[in-house]
Amino acid sequence: MILNDSIAVSVLTPQAKRYTSFVKIYKKDGTVYHDVIEVNKPITIDGYKIYQTGYDEEKGKWSKISIVEIVRDPWLPFVYFGIFLFTLGTILIISFGKKR
């Protein structure tokens, strides 16, 4: 809607504020998990993280399709330990380094 020569007002297509999926996960041993996955809030089962990465954007909030990603990173504790060692080394160099 144009109000005058310098001002116009428009309404954008509404975007979803929250992307949530209600999932049912079946394991080989017969265990069934019922949980909710949100964007940036994955669930963890047996060392695997399950993330929601997308949905059917054409249908918006009425979408029945969720795109999920399953990630397993067994080296992550070693990465955190390495970061800890770098931090500790930096602190030791700053504290006990060669004085000028």
Foldseek 3Di string as FASTA:
>chain_A
DADDPPDDDDDDDDADPWDKDFDWDADPVGDIDTDMATAVRWDDDPQKTKHFDAFPPVVGPPTPDTDIDIDHDPCVVVVVVVVVVVVVVVVCCVVPNDDD
